[in-house]
Amino acid sequence: MVSKIFTWVGHPRESSLSLAMADAYDAAAAQAGATVRRMTLSDMDFDVDLREGYHSRKTLEPCLEQWRENVLWADHLCWVYPVWWGGMPAKMKGVIDRAVLPGFAMSYPEGKIFWERLLVGRSADVILTSDAPPWFDQIVNGRPAKNQAVNTILKFAGIKPVKTLQVGTVKTASDAKIQKWIEAAGKRGRAAARR
């Protein structure tokens, strides 16, 4: 089956390893027959501040509306981003805070304890880069960035299965190691197109 894939690069800088891995993922997916759309966090201009929390709704900026449209269009998502302080970059989390809302990703039926997941029928890949080795992040920290994206956002909204790929240590990686990571991202993209 040919997939409709929405890739979101969650690095706030225009050029990064996250972007290079997303390029490989998208190119391999497209070559395998998928239709791919992409947004990059560095191109998204919106107010991340929720001054009122969720007590009142702010009008979504055009980039957030487009992001939501792409999520609804896709049958597979790919998020590629760096792990900063055990989580996603603040601006990336700002997109989640502003756009992943009741009525879009979930609903809370009156009188029921559990929520209704509104994004069922989609799968996802989460690709993370980190300066901590993945084994260290797993043993010492329990992989909080992975758990945040996979369990408390994607699966919470009904998106599954979710596969993850975490690479590191980025800051000391050789060019050959980085190239292997980029190739691994391409393999993930090819596999996503064939789901």
Foldseek 3Di string as FASTA:
>chain_A
DFWEEEEEEQELDPDDLLVLLVVLLVVLSVVLPHHYHYDYLVPDDDDLDPPVQVPDADDDDPVLVVVLVSLQPTQEYEYGAEQDPLAGDSSSVSSCSRRVDAVRQWHDDPPDDAIGQDSARHEYEYEYEYLDAPVCCCPPPVRNHVCCPQPVGQVSNHYDDYHYHYHDNPVPDDPVRSVVSSVVSNVVSNVVRVD
